[in-house]
């Protein structure tokens, strides 16, 4: 992806120093300069509450609180400054059950370890170009978990449930900032191509 991403601010929360450094190196290489690091979920949430981030990367397994607990705090805590922020969960445990648990706690994307630069960039591109609407029910708040409609599904219409409320994508117009960065990148790419 040929985007100008220098205006994004990223938070990386991972207890593995090697993974933190790898993520920082990759994100720096694509132009992101504002990257903060936290070694665990508690420090990550403290940092998240103090600064204005655009995307959070978090590990699944950490102590004293897990990445799942961190996502719960981000999505539901009264202290959370932006419950709509995209969260990319990273884990070496990518079996179906763990991915589903992470999804059901409100992650935006899941990235399995070991990951390639291409996979990381795909996840980053997805949260920028394809922001999903947020929904709130009695038991869930987060990005819409449904990725596609199944034309062969004949069961009850869950998308029109009385307890489903679609909410705005971002209180602080996060997706608009990302779209502006993409537009600027495309314009500069088009200008270079036409020269």
C-alpha atoms as a PDB file:
ATOM      1  CA  UNK A   1       0.000   0.000   0.000  1.00  0.00           C
ATOM      2  CA  UNK A   2       1.361   3.388  -0.941  1.00  0.00           C
ATOM      3  CA  UNK A   3      -0.197   5.571   1.754  1.00  0.00           C
ATOM      4  CA  UNK A   4       1.233   8.497   3.655  1.00  0.00           C
ATOM      5  CA  UNK A   5       0.714   7.310   7.208  1.00  0.00           C
ATOM      6  CA  UNK A   6       2.961   9.721   9.083  1.00  0.00           C
ATOM      7  CA  UNK A   7       0.014  11.369  10.878  1.00  0.00           C
ATOM      8  CA  UNK A   8      -1.149   8.159  12.534  1.00  0.00           C
ATOM      9  CA  UNK A   9      -0.348   7.508  16.189  1.00  0.00           C
ATOM     10  CA  UNK A  10      -0.019   3.822  17.090  1.00  0.00           C
ATOM     11  CA  UNK A  11       0.034   2.030  20.449  1.00  0.00           C
ATOM     12  CA  UNK A  12       1.733  -1.377  20.622  1.00  0.00           C
ATOM     13  CA  UNK A  13       0.952  -3.463  23.720  1.00  0.00           C
ATOM     14  CA  UNK A  14       2.962  -6.683  23.924  1.00  0.00           C
ATOM     15  CA  UNK A  15       4.976  -8.383  26.651  1.00  0.00           C
ATOM     16  CA  UNK A  16       7.524  -9.699  24.127  1.00  0.00           C
ATOM     17  CA  UNK A  17      10.311  -7.170  23.457  1.00  0.00           C
ATOM     18  CA  UNK A  18      11.179  -8.846  20.131  1.00  0.00           C
ATOM     19  CA  UNK A  19       7.615  -8.511  18.805  1.00  0.00           C
ATOM     20  CA  UNK A  20       7.391  -4.891  20.002  1.00  0.00           C
ATOM     21  CA  UNK A  21      10.604  -4.035  18.166  1.00  0.00           C
ATOM     22  CA  UNK A  22       9.561  -5.950  15.030  1.00  0.00           C
ATOM     23  CA  UNK A  23       6.212  -4.126  14.867  1.00  0.00           C
ATOM     24  CA  UNK A  24       7.876  -0.761  15.458  1.00  0.00           C
ATOM     25  CA  UNK A  25      10.437  -1.434  12.704  1.00  0.00           C
ATOM     26  CA  UNK A  26       7.778  -2.435  10.169  1.00  0.00           C
ATOM     27  CA  UNK A  27       5.503   0.491  11.020  1.00  0.00           C
ATOM     28  CA  UNK A  28       8.452   2.924  10.842  1.00  0.00           C
ATOM     29  CA  UNK A  29       9.363   1.489   7.441  1.00  0.00           C
ATOM     30  CA  UNK A  30       5.916   2.376   6.056  1.00  0.00           C
ATOM     31  CA  UNK A  31       6.141   5.933   7.345  1.00  0.00           C
ATOM     32  CA  UNK A  32       4.472   5.825  10.762  1.00  0.00           C
ATOM     33  CA  UNK A  33       6.603   7.871  13.134  1.00  0.00           C
ATOM     34  CA  UNK A  34       4.456   8.193  16.237  1.00  0.00           C
ATOM     35  CA  UNK A  35       4.568   4.778  17.899  1.00  0.00           C
ATOM     36  CA  UNK A  36       4.264   4.192  21.634  1.00  0.00           C
ATOM     37  CA  UNK A  37       5.086   0.942  23.394  1.00  0.00           C
ATOM     38  CA  UNK A  38       3.635  -0.712  26.507  1.00  0.00           C
ATOM     39  CA  UNK A  39       4.911  -3.975  28.008  1.00  0.00           C
ATOM     40  CA  UNK A  40       1.573  -5.102  29.441  1.00  0.00           C
ATOM     41  CA  UNK A  41      -2.142  -4.423  29.325  1.00  0.00           C
ATOM     42  CA  UNK A  42      -2.222  -2.258  32.462  1.00  0.00           C
ATOM     43  CA  UNK A  43       0.464   0.104  31.141  1.00  0.00           C
ATOM     44  CA  UNK A  44      -1.160  -0.060  27.728  1.00  0.00           C
ATOM     45  CA  UNK A  45      -4.532   1.089  29.046  1.00  0.00           C
ATOM     46  CA  UNK A  46      -2.895   3.863  31.090  1.00  0.00           C
ATOM     47  CA  UNK A  47      -1.131   5.103  27.953  1.00  0.00           C
ATOM     48  CA  UNK A  48      -4.325   4.721  25.885  1.00  0.00           C
ATOM     49  CA  UNK A  49      -6.201   6.933  28.367  1.00  0.00           C
ATOM     50  CA  UNK A  50      -3.497   9.641  28.312  1.00  0.00           C
ATOM     51  CA  UNK A  51      -2.833  10.032  24.589  1.00  0.00           C
ATOM     52  CA  UNK A  52      -4.857  10.219  21.387  1.00  0.00           C
ATOM     53  CA  UNK A  53      -4.226   7.030  19.344  1.00  0.00           C
ATOM     54  CA  UNK A  54      -5.505   5.970  15.931  1.00  0.00           C
ATOM     55  CA  UNK A  55      -4.834   2.201  16.109  1.00  0.00           C
ATOM     56  CA  UNK A  56      -3.908  -0.240  18.886  1.00  0.00           C
ATOM     57  CA  UNK A  57      -1.935  -3.453  18.356  1.00  0.00           C
ATOM     58  CA  UNK A  58      -2.153  -5.843  21.305  1.00  0.00           C
ATOM     59  CA  UNK A  59      -0.988  -9.333  22.138  1.00  0.00           C
ATOM     60  CA  UNK A  60      -3.564 -11.917  23.204  1.00  0.00           C
ATOM     61  CA  UNK A  61      -1.671 -13.503  26.137  1.00  0.00           C
ATOM     62  CA  UNK A  62      -0.165 -11.097  28.688  1.00  0.00           C
ATOM     63  CA  UNK A  63       0.053 -10.608  32.437  1.00  0.00           C
ATOM     64  CA  UNK A  64      -1.286  -9.125  34.663  1.00  0.00           C
ATOM     65  CA  UNK A  65      -4.185  -8.582  32.248  1.00  0.00           C
ATOM     66  CA  UNK A  66      -4.602 -10.204  28.854  1.00  0.00           C
ATOM     67  CA  UNK A  67      -5.146  -8.532  25.517  1.00  0.00           C
ATOM     68  CA  UNK A  68      -8.789  -9.615  25.761  1.00  0.00           C
ATOM     69  CA  UNK A  69      -9.085  -7.753  29.068  1.00  0.00           C
ATOM     70  CA  UNK A  70      -7.429  -4.718  27.479  1.00  0.00           C
ATOM     71  CA  UNK A  71      -9.943  -4.746  24.613  1.00  0.00           C
ATOM     72  CA  UNK A  72     -12.786  -4.988  27.146  1.00  0.00           C
ATOM     73  CA  UNK A  73     -11.402  -1.905  28.938  1.00  0.00           C
ATOM     74  CA  UNK A  74     -11.011  -0.008  25.668  1.00  0.00           C
ATOM     75  CA  UNK A  75     -14.559  -0.843  24.544  1.00  0.00           C
ATOM     76  CA  UNK A  76     -16.496  -0.577  27.811  1.00  0.00           C
ATOM     77  CA  UNK A  77     -14.605   1.320  30.536  1.00  0.00           C
ATOM     78  CA  UNK A  78     -15.955   4.732  31.472  1.00  0.00           C
ATOM     79  CA  UNK A  79     -12.295   5.869  31.465  1.00  0.00           C
ATOM     80  CA  UNK A  80     -11.823   4.905  27.811  1.00  0.00           C
ATOM     81  CA  UNK A  81     -11.369   8.046  25.683  1.00  0.00           C
ATOM     82  CA  UNK A  82     -12.172   6.253  22.399  1.00  0.00           C
ATOM     83  CA  UNK A  83     -14.093   2.952  22.536  1.00  0.00           C
ATOM     84  CA  UNK A  84     -14.315   2.997  18.712  1.00  0.00           C
ATOM     85  CA  UNK A  85     -10.582   2.728  18.045  1.00  0.00           C
ATOM     86  CA  UNK A  86      -9.458  -0.087  15.714  1.00  0.00           C
ATOM     87  CA  UNK A  87      -7.731  -2.860  17.685  1.00  0.00           C
ATOM     88  CA  UNK A  88      -5.552  -5.418  15.910  1.00  0.00           C
ATOM     89  CA  UNK A  89      -4.942  -8.481  18.076  1.00  0.00           C
ATOM     90  CA  UNK A  90      -1.740 -10.454  17.577  1.00  0.00           C
ATOM     91  CA  UNK A  91      -1.352 -14.025  18.793  1.00  0.00           C
ATOM     92  CA  UNK A  92       0.591 -17.214  18.224  1.00  0.00           C
ATOM     93  CA  UNK A  93      -2.614 -19.028  19.152  1.00  0.00           C
ATOM     94  CA  UNK A  94      -4.811 -18.598  16.112  1.00  0.00           C
ATOM     95  CA  UNK A  95      -7.174 -21.536  16.418  1.00  0.00           C
ATOM     96  CA  UNK A  96     -10.816 -20.888  15.591  1.00  0.00           C
ATOM     97  CA  UNK A  97     -11.934 -20.730  19.238  1.00  0.00           C
ATOM     98  CA  UNK A  98      -9.410 -18.037  20.216  1.00  0.00           C
ATOM     99  CA  UNK A  99     -10.124 -15.955  17.139  1.00  0.00           C
ATOM    100  CA  UNK A 100     -13.846 -16.184  17.896  1.00  0.00           C
ATOM    101  CA  UNK A 101     -13.289 -15.191  21.551  1.00  0.00           C
ATOM    102  CA  UNK A 102     -11.240 -12.192  20.429  1.00  0.00           C
ATOM    103  CA  UNK A 103     -13.902 -11.234  17.885  1.00  0.00           C
ATOM    104  CA  UNK A 104     -16.624 -11.535  20.526  1.00  0.00           C
ATOM    105  CA  UNK A 105     -14.718  -9.133  22.773  1.00  0.00           C
ATOM    106  CA  UNK A 106     -14.571  -6.447  20.105  1.00  0.00           C
ATOM    107  CA  UNK A 107     -11.279  -6.703  18.238  1.00  0.00           C
ATOM    108  CA  UNK A 108     -11.222  -5.223  14.768  1.00  0.00           C
ATOM    109  CA  UNK A 109      -8.692  -7.566  13.126  1.00  0.00           C
ATOM    110  CA  UNK A 110      -6.663 -10.638  14.127  1.00  0.00           C
ATOM    111  CA  UNK A 111      -3.037 -11.204  13.087  1.00  0.00           C
ATOM    112  CA  UNK A 112      -1.493 -14.641  13.667  1.00  0.00           C
ATOM    113  CA  UNK A 113       2.153 -15.044  14.701  1.00  0.00           C
ATOM    114  CA  UNK A 114       4.472 -15.571  13.019  1.00  0.00           C
ATOM    115  CA  UNK A 115       3.311 -12.879  10.617  1.00  0.00           C
ATOM    116  CA  UNK A 116       4.730 -11.452   7.428  1.00  0.00           C
ATOM    117  CA  UNK A 117       5.023  -7.795   6.526  1.00  0.00           C
ATOM    118  CA  UNK A 118       2.354  -8.390   3.883  1.00  0.00           C
ATOM    119  CA  UNK A 119      -0.130  -9.814   6.415  1.00  0.00           C
ATOM    120  CA  UNK A 120       0.497  -6.943   8.802  1.00  0.00           C
ATOM    121  CA  UNK A 121      -0.042  -4.413   6.022  1.00  0.00           C
ATOM    122  CA  UNK A 122      -3.248  -6.200   4.942  1.00  0.00           C
ATOM    123  CA  UNK A 123      -4.654  -5.798   8.461  1.00  0.00           C
ATOM    124  CA  UNK A 124      -3.607  -2.152   8.596  1.00  0.00           C
ATOM    125  CA  UNK A 125      -5.143  -1.502   5.186  1.00  0.00           C
ATOM    126  CA  UNK A 126      -8.386  -3.212   6.229  1.00  0.00           C
ATOM    127  CA  UNK A 127      -8.882  -1.041   9.318  1.00  0.00           C
ATOM    128  CA  UNK A 128      -8.197   2.087   7.239  1.00  0.00           C
ATOM    129  CA  UNK A 129     -10.098   1.316   4.036  1.00  0.00           C
ATOM    130  CA  UNK A 130     -12.910  -0.876   5.316  1.00  0.00           C
ATOM    131  CA  UNK A 131     -13.991   0.442   8.717  1.00  0.00           C
ATOM    132  CA  UNK A 132     -16.880  -1.610  10.033  1.00  0.00           C
ATOM    133  CA  UNK A 133     -19.844  -0.021  11.781  1.00  0.00           C
ATOM    134  CA  UNK A 134     -20.045  -0.522  15.523  1.00  0.00           C
ATOM    135  CA  UNK A 135     -23.001  -2.260  17.130  1.00  0.00           C
ATOM    136  CA  UNK A 136     -24.263  -2.372  20.678  1.00  0.00           C
ATOM    137  CA  UNK A 137     -26.381  -5.131  22.173  1.00  0.00           C
ATOM    138  CA  UNK A 138     -26.995  -6.199  25.758  1.00  0.00           C
ATOM    139  CA  UNK A 139     -23.952  -8.468  25.571  1.00  0.00           C
ATOM    140  CA  UNK A 140     -21.642  -6.875  22.976  1.00  0.00           C
ATOM    141  CA  UNK A 141     -20.163  -3.556  21.922  1.00  0.00           C
ATOM    142  CA  UNK A 142     -17.669  -3.365  19.089  1.00  0.00           C
ATOM    143  CA  UNK A 143     -17.204  -3.629  15.335  1.00  0.00           C
ATOM    144  CA  UNK A 144     -19.921  -5.531  13.499  1.00  0.00           C
ATOM    145  CA  UNK A 145     -18.769  -9.155  13.651  1.00  0.00           C
ATOM    146  CA  UNK A 146     -20.484 -10.140  10.418  1.00  0.00           C
ATOM    147  CA  UNK A 147     -18.156  -9.843   7.462  1.00  0.00           C
ATOM    148  CA  UNK A 148     -20.519 -10.953   4.723  1.00  0.00           C
ATOM    149  CA  UNK A 149     -24.082 -11.949   4.077  1.00  0.00           C
ATOM    150  CA  UNK A 150     -24.799 -15.568   3.284  1.00  0.00           C
ATOM    151  CA  UNK A 151     -27.418 -15.698   0.488  1.00  0.00           C
ATOM    152  CA  UNK A 152     -28.218 -19.320   1.372  1.00  0.00           C
ATOM    153  CA  UNK A 153     -29.036 -18.561   5.043  1.00  0.00           C
ATOM    154  CA  UNK A 154     -32.716 -19.296   5.749  1.00  0.00           C
ATOM    155  CA  UNK A 155     -32.868 -18.754   9.540  1.00  0.00           C
ATOM    156  CA  UNK A 156     -34.286 -15.816  11.503  1.00  0.00           C
ATOM    157  CA  UNK A 157     -33.186 -12.341  10.461  1.00  0.00           C
ATOM    158  CA  UNK A 158     -30.707 -11.463  13.203  1.00  0.00           C
ATOM    159  CA  UNK A 159     -29.619  -8.236  11.494  1.00  0.00           C
ATOM    160  CA  UNK A 160     -33.023  -6.720  12.270  1.00  0.00           C
ATOM    161  CA  UNK A 161     -33.104  -7.771  15.918  1.00  0.00           C
ATOM    162  CA  UNK A 162     -34.794  -5.398  18.361  1.00  0.00           C
ATOM    163  CA  UNK A 163     -31.763  -5.450  20.670  1.00  0.00           C
ATOM    164  CA  UNK A 164     -29.280  -4.390  17.957  1.00  0.00           C
ATOM    165  CA  UNK A 165     -28.251  -0.756  17.795  1.00  0.00           C
ATOM    166  CA  UNK A 166     -25.827   0.500  15.170  1.00  0.00           C
ATOM    167  CA  UNK A 167     -23.642   3.295  16.473  1.00  0.00           C
ATOM    168  CA  UNK A 168     -21.279   5.729  14.770  1.00  0.00           C
ATOM    169  CA  UNK A 169     -17.881   4.511  13.653  1.00  0.00           C
ATOM    170  CA  UNK A 170     -15.936   7.066  15.662  1.00  0.00           C
ATOM    171  CA  UNK A 171     -16.600   9.803  18.115  1.00  0.00           C
ATOM    172  CA  UNK A 172     -13.494  11.645  16.940  1.00  0.00           C
ATOM    173  CA  UNK A 173     -13.862  11.040  13.203  1.00  0.00           C
ATOM    174  CA  UNK A 174     -10.993   8.553  13.180  1.00  0.00           C
ATOM    175  CA  UNK A 175     -11.970   7.086   9.846  1.00  0.00           C
ATOM    176  CA  UNK A 176     -12.134  10.573   8.287  1.00  0.00           C
ATOM    177  CA  UNK A 177      -8.536  11.233   9.339  1.00  0.00           C
ATOM    178  CA  UNK A 178      -7.488   7.928   7.841  1.00  0.00           C
ATOM    179  CA  UNK A 179      -9.365   8.638   4.613  1.00  0.00           C
ATOM    180  CA  UNK A 180      -7.663  12.038   4.349  1.00  0.00           C
ATOM    181  CA  UNK A 181      -4.249  10.366   4.730  1.00  0.00           C
ATOM    182  CA  UNK A 182      -5.179   7.886   1.994  1.00  0.00           C
ATOM    183  CA  UNK A 183      -6.422  10.662  -0.318  1.00  0.00           C
ATOM    184  CA  UNK A 184      -3.213  12.651   0.148  1.00  0.00           C
ATOM    185  CA  UNK A 185      -1.169   9.538  -0.585  1.00  0.00           C
ATOM    186  CA  UNK A 186      -3.112   8.750  -3.728  1.00  0.00           C
ATOM    187  CA  UNK A 187      -2.844  12.345  -4.949  1.00  0.00           C
ATOM    188  CA  UNK A 188       0.932  12.352  -4.490  1.00  0.00           C
ATOM    189  CA  UNK A 189       1.187   8.936  -6.189  1.00  0.00           C
ATOM    190  CA  UNK A 190      -0.942  10.175  -9.116  1.00  0.00           C
ATOM    191  CA  UNK A 191       1.189  13.318  -9.409  1.00  0.00           C
ATOM    192  CA  UNK A 192       4.413  11.263  -9.489  1.00  0.00           C
ATOM    193  CA  UNK A 193       2.912   8.936 -12.094  1.00  0.00           C
ATOM    194  CA  UNK A 194       1.854  11.843 -14.332  1.00  0.00           C
ATOM    195  CA  UNK A 195       5.268  13.588 -14.148  1.00  0.00           C
END
